[in-house]
Amino acid sequence: MGYMLDTNICIYLLTQRQPEYQQCILSRLESLTNDVAVYLSSVVVSELSYGVRKSR
């Protein structure tokens, strides 16, 4: 079993804009056991990459 993170969740983790969401997500991820995988789709990676390029 695993979790696939979407772009919004990744942005919450990477920025300080909404720390209450960031802390909630981090708590959930830290509670996962080692046999639970966390995935990013290629679409999410592309969207994050685009956002980084656009912000520069």
PDB file of N, CA and C in Angstrom:
ATOM      1  N   MET A   1       0.837  -1.177   0.000  1.00  0.00           N
ATOM      2  CA  MET A   1       0.000   0.000   0.000  1.00  0.00           C
ATOM      3  C   MET A   1       0.883   1.241   0.000  1.00  0.00           C
ATOM      4  N   GLY A   2       0.339   2.339  -0.482  1.00  0.00           N
ATOM      5  CA  GLY A   2       1.103   3.569  -0.486  1.00  0.00           C
ATOM      6  C   GLY A   2       0.211   4.776  -0.658  1.00  0.00           C
ATOM      7  N   TYR A   3       0.846   5.913  -0.655  1.00  0.00           N
ATOM      8  CA  TYR A   3       0.153   7.185  -0.837  1.00  0.00           C
ATOM      9  C   TYR A   3       0.761   7.907  -2.027  1.00  0.00           C
ATOM     10  N   MET A   4      -0.087   8.495  -2.846  1.00  0.00           N
ATOM     11  CA  MET A   4       0.384   9.327  -3.940  1.00  0.00           C
ATOM     12  C   MET A   4       0.045  10.768  -3.588  1.00  0.00           C
ATOM     13  N   LEU A   5       1.075  11.593  -3.486  1.00  0.00           N
ATOM     14  CA  LEU A   5       0.877  12.983  -3.107  1.00  0.00           C
ATOM     15  C   LEU A   5       0.553  13.825  -4.332  1.00  0.00           C
ATOM     16  N   ASP A   6      -0.362  14.759  -4.167  1.00  0.00           N
ATOM     17  CA  ASP A   6      -0.658  15.655  -5.276  1.00  0.00           C
ATOM     18  C   ASP A   6       0.171  16.934  -5.138  1.00  0.00           C
ATOM     19  N   THR A   7       0.076  17.783  -6.133  1.00  0.00           N
ATOM     20  CA  THR A   7       0.903  18.984  -6.188  1.00  0.00           C
ATOM     21  C   THR A   7       0.664  19.890  -4.987  1.00  0.00           C
ATOM     22  N   ASN A   8      -0.585  20.072  -4.604  1.00  0.00           N
ATOM     23  CA  ASN A   8      -0.884  20.958  -3.475  1.00  0.00           C
ATOM     24  C   ASN A   8      -0.224  20.478  -2.190  1.00  0.00           C
ATOM     25  N   ILE A   9      -0.256  19.196  -1.950  1.00  0.00           N
ATOM     26  CA  ILE A   9       0.369  18.651  -0.743  1.00  0.00           C
ATOM     27  C   ILE A   9       1.870  18.905  -0.773  1.00  0.00           C
ATOM     28  N   CYS A  10       2.495  18.697  -1.918  1.00  0.00           N
ATOM     29  CA  CYS A  10       3.935  18.951  -2.048  1.00  0.00           C
ATOM     30  C   CYS A  10       4.256  20.414  -1.795  1.00  0.00           C
ATOM     31  N   ILE A  11       3.425  21.312  -2.314  1.00  0.00           N
ATOM     32  CA  ILE A  11       3.649  22.745  -2.106  1.00  0.00           C
ATOM     33  C   ILE A  11       3.523  23.095  -0.627  1.00  0.00           C
ATOM     34  N   TYR A  12       2.542  22.524   0.059  1.00  0.00           N
ATOM     35  CA  TYR A  12       2.420  22.759   1.500  1.00  0.00           C
ATOM     36  C   TYR A  12       3.683  22.309   2.230  1.00  0.00           C
ATOM     37  N   LEU A  13       4.266  21.195   1.795  1.00  0.00           N
ATOM     38  CA  LEU A  13       5.472  20.686   2.439  1.00  0.00           C
ATOM     39  C   LEU A  13       6.702  21.531   2.134  1.00  0.00           C
ATOM     40  N   LEU A  14       6.742  22.141   0.965  1.00  0.00           N
ATOM     41  CA  LEU A  14       7.931  22.875   0.525  1.00  0.00           C
ATOM     42  C   LEU A  14       7.926  24.353   0.888  1.00  0.00           C
ATOM     43  N   THR A  15       6.789  24.888   1.272  1.00  0.00           N
ATOM     44  CA  THR A  15       6.704  26.324   1.564  1.00  0.00           C
ATOM     45  C   THR A  15       6.220  26.540   2.991  1.00  0.00           C
ATOM     46  N   GLN A  16       6.302  27.757   3.432  1.00  0.00           N
ATOM     47  CA  GLN A  16       5.841  28.126   4.775  1.00  0.00           C
ATOM     48  C   GLN A  16       4.538  28.916   4.723  1.00  0.00           C
ATOM     49  N   ARG A  17       3.857  28.877   3.590  1.00  0.00           N
ATOM     50  CA  ARG A  17       2.657  29.699   3.430  1.00  0.00           C
ATOM     51  C   ARG A  17       1.511  29.270   4.337  1.00  0.00           C
ATOM     52  N   GLN A  18       1.357  27.989   4.566  1.00  0.00           N
ATOM     53  CA  GLN A  18       0.275  27.506   5.433  1.00  0.00           C
ATOM     54  C   GLN A  18       0.847  26.462   6.396  1.00  0.00           C
ATOM     55  N   PRO A  19       1.538  26.942   7.433  1.00  0.00           N
ATOM     56  CA  PRO A  19       2.230  26.011   8.340  1.00  0.00           C
ATOM     57  C   PRO A  19       1.310  25.021   9.044  1.00  0.00           C
ATOM     58  N   GLU A  20       0.029  25.386   9.242  1.00  0.00           N
ATOM     59  CA  GLU A  20      -0.880  24.441   9.906  1.00  0.00           C
ATOM     60  C   GLU A  20      -1.118  23.217   9.033  1.00  0.00           C
ATOM     61  N   TYR A  21      -1.196  23.403   7.717  1.00  0.00           N
ATOM     62  CA  TYR A  21      -1.330  22.266   6.804  1.00  0.00           C
ATOM     63  C   TYR A  21      -0.033  21.473   6.751  1.00  0.00           C
ATOM     64  N   GLN A  22       1.077  22.194   6.699  1.00  0.00           N
ATOM     65  CA  GLN A  22       2.379  21.539   6.633  1.00  0.00           C
ATOM     66  C   GLN A  22       2.574  20.615   7.836  1.00  0.00           C
ATOM     67  N   GLN A  23       2.267  21.102   9.021  1.00  0.00           N
ATOM     68  CA  GLN A  23       2.446  20.291  10.226  1.00  0.00           C
ATOM     69  C   GLN A  23       1.537  19.072  10.225  1.00  0.00           C
ATOM     70  N   CYS A  24       0.318  19.230   9.775  1.00  0.00           N
ATOM     71  CA  CYS A  24      -0.627  18.112   9.703  1.00  0.00           C
ATOM     72  C   CYS A  24      -0.123  17.035   8.737  1.00  0.00           C
ATOM     73  N   ILE A  25       0.348  17.463   7.578  1.00  0.00           N
ATOM     74  CA  ILE A  25       0.856  16.524   6.575  1.00  0.00           C
ATOM     75  C   ILE A  25       2.106  15.825   7.087  1.00  0.00           C
ATOM     76  N   LEU A  26       3.026  16.593   7.674  1.00  0.00           N
ATOM     77  CA  LEU A  26       4.248  15.993   8.207  1.00  0.00           C
ATOM     78  C   LEU A  26       3.938  14.971   9.295  1.00  0.00           C
ATOM     79  N   SER A  27       2.992  15.279  10.143  1.00  0.00           N
ATOM     80  CA  SER A  27       2.607  14.331  11.197  1.00  0.00           C
ATOM     81  C   SER A  27       2.089  13.031  10.603  1.00  0.00           C
ATOM     82  N   ARG A  28       1.261  13.170   9.583  1.00  0.00           N
ATOM     83  CA  ARG A  28       0.712  11.975   8.927  1.00  0.00           C
ATOM     84  C   ARG A  28       1.829  11.155   8.284  1.00  0.00           C
ATOM     85  N   LEU A  29       2.739  11.823   7.569  1.00  0.00           N
ATOM     86  CA  LEU A  29       3.825  11.107   6.898  1.00  0.00           C
ATOM     87  C   LEU A  29       4.765  10.453   7.906  1.00  0.00           C
ATOM     88  N   GLU A  30       5.046  11.140   9.001  1.00  0.00           N
ATOM     89  CA  GLU A  30       5.933  10.577  10.021  1.00  0.00           C
ATOM     90  C   GLU A  30       5.321   9.367  10.715  1.00  0.00           C
ATOM     91  N   SER A  31       4.004   9.272  10.709  1.00  0.00           N
ATOM     92  CA  SER A  31       3.344   8.140  11.366  1.00  0.00           C
ATOM     93  C   SER A  31       3.316   6.879  10.498  1.00  0.00           C
ATOM     94  N   LEU A  32       3.704   7.006   9.235  1.00  0.00           N
ATOM     95  CA  LEU A  32       3.694   5.851   8.342  1.00  0.00           C
ATOM     96  C   LEU A  32       4.795   4.874   8.718  1.00  0.00           C
ATOM     97  N   THR A  33       4.531   3.618   8.525  1.00  0.00           N
ATOM     98  CA  THR A  33       5.548   2.604   8.768  1.00  0.00           C
ATOM     99  C   THR A  33       6.433   2.457   7.533  1.00  0.00           C
ATOM    100  N   ASN A  34       7.552   1.791   7.701  1.00  0.00           N
ATOM    101  CA  ASN A  34       8.525   1.656   6.611  1.00  0.00           C
ATOM    102  C   ASN A  34       7.999   0.889   5.407  1.00  0.00           C
ATOM    103  N   ASP A  35       6.947   0.110   5.582  1.00  0.00           N
ATOM    104  CA  ASP A  35       6.423  -0.664   4.456  1.00  0.00           C
ATOM    105  C   ASP A  35       5.406   0.112   3.620  1.00  0.00           C
ATOM    106  N   VAL A  36       5.162   1.366   3.967  1.00  0.00           N
ATOM    107  CA  VAL A  36       4.221   2.206   3.221  1.00  0.00           C
ATOM    108  C   VAL A  36       5.023   3.168   2.349  1.00  0.00           C
ATOM    109  N   ALA A  37       4.782   3.093   1.057  1.00  0.00           N
ATOM    110  CA  ALA A  37       5.509   3.943   0.109  1.00  0.00           C
ATOM    111  C   ALA A  37       4.758   5.252  -0.118  1.00  0.00           C
ATOM    112  N   VAL A  38       5.516   6.283  -0.449  1.00  0.00           N
ATOM    113  CA  VAL A  38       4.947   7.581  -0.813  1.00  0.00           C
ATOM    114  C   VAL A  38       5.417   7.879  -2.227  1.00  0.00           C
ATOM    115  N   TYR A  39       4.467   8.192  -3.095  1.00  0.00           N
ATOM    116  CA  TYR A  39       4.758   8.379  -4.512  1.00  0.00           C
ATOM    117  C   TYR A  39       4.426   9.789  -4.975  1.00  0.00           C
ATOM    118  N   LEU A  40       5.113  10.210  -6.036  1.00  0.00           N
ATOM    119  CA  LEU A  40       4.779  11.419  -6.785  1.00  0.00           C
ATOM    120  C   LEU A  40       4.584  11.003  -8.228  1.00  0.00           C
ATOM    121  N   SER A  41       3.518  11.467  -8.838  1.00  0.00           N
ATOM    122  CA  SER A  41       3.316  11.154 -10.253  1.00  0.00           C
ATOM    123  C   SER A  41       4.214  12.047 -11.103  1.00  0.00           C
ATOM    124  N   SER A  42       4.412  11.656 -12.337  1.00  0.00           N
ATOM    125  CA  SER A  42       5.213  12.472 -13.252  1.00  0.00           C
ATOM    126  C   SER A  42       4.549  13.824 -13.493  1.00  0.00           C
ATOM    127  N   VAL A  43       3.235  13.872 -13.417  1.00  0.00           N
ATOM    128  CA  VAL A  43       2.515  15.145 -13.577  1.00  0.00           C
ATOM    129  C   VAL A  43       2.861  16.089 -12.426  1.00  0.00           C
ATOM    130  N   VAL A  44       2.884  15.580 -11.207  1.00  0.00           N
ATOM    131  CA  VAL A  44       3.229  16.399 -10.046  1.00  0.00           C
ATOM    132  C   VAL A  44       4.656  16.911 -10.173  1.00  0.00           C
ATOM    133  N   VAL A  45       5.579  16.050 -10.547  1.00  0.00           N
ATOM    134  CA  VAL A  45       6.974  16.466 -10.716  1.00  0.00           C
ATOM    135  C   VAL A  45       7.074  17.560 -11.771  1.00  0.00           C
ATOM    136  N   SER A  46       6.360  17.405 -12.864  1.00  0.00           N
ATOM    137  CA  SER A  46       6.367  18.421 -13.926  1.00  0.00           C
ATOM    138  C   SER A  46       5.777  19.741 -13.437  1.00  0.00           C
ATOM    139  N   GLU A  47       4.680  19.675 -12.705  1.00  0.00           N
ATOM    140  CA  GLU A  47       4.058  20.900 -12.194  1.00  0.00           C
ATOM    141  C   GLU A  47       4.968  21.616 -11.201  1.00  0.00           C
ATOM    142  N   LEU A  48       5.629  20.875 -10.346  1.00  0.00           N
ATOM    143  CA  LEU A  48       6.560  21.487  -9.402  1.00  0.00           C
ATOM    144  C   LEU A  48       7.745  22.109 -10.127  1.00  0.00           C
ATOM    145  N   SER A  49       8.261  21.405 -11.112  1.00  0.00           N
ATOM    146  CA  SER A  49       9.373  21.925 -11.908  1.00  0.00           C
ATOM    147  C   SER A  49       8.974  23.210 -12.625  1.00  0.00           C
ATOM    148  N   TYR A  50       7.797  23.214 -13.207  1.00  0.00           N
ATOM    149  CA  TYR A  50       7.288  24.403 -13.890  1.00  0.00           C
ATOM    150  C   TYR A  50       7.153  25.568 -12.903  1.00  0.00           C
ATOM    151  N   GLY A  51       6.634  25.297 -11.730  1.00  0.00           N
ATOM    152  CA  GLY A  51       6.473  26.337 -10.722  1.00  0.00           C
ATOM    153  C   GLY A  51       7.791  26.946 -10.291  1.00  0.00           C
ATOM    154  N   VAL A  52       8.815  26.110 -10.159  1.00  0.00           N
ATOM    155  CA  VAL A  52      10.145  26.604  -9.792  1.00  0.00           C
ATOM    156  C   VAL A  52      10.695  27.497 -10.896  1.00  0.00           C
ATOM    157  N   ARG A  53      10.598  27.036 -12.130  1.00  0.00           N
ATOM    158  CA  ARG A  53      11.106  27.838 -13.257  1.00  0.00           C
ATOM    159  C   ARG A  53      10.359  29.158 -13.367  1.00  0.00           C
ATOM    160  N   LYS A  54       9.064  29.125 -13.173  1.00  0.00           N
ATOM    161  CA  LYS A  54       8.235  30.330 -13.298  1.00  0.00           C
ATOM    162  C   LYS A  54       8.551  31.346 -12.195  1.00  0.00           C
ATOM    163  N   SER A  55       8.915  30.867 -11.018  1.00  0.00           N
ATOM    164  CA  SER A  55       9.168  31.764  -9.889  1.00  0.00           C
ATOM    165  C   SER A  55      10.526  32.450  -9.959  1.00  0.00           C
ATOM    166  N   ARG A  56      11.381  32.019 -10.834  1.00  0.00           N
ATOM    167  CA  ARG A  56      12.724  32.617 -10.945  1.00  0.00           C
ATOM    168  C   ARG A  56      12.735  33.801 -11.836  1.00  0.00           C
TER     169      ARG A  56
END
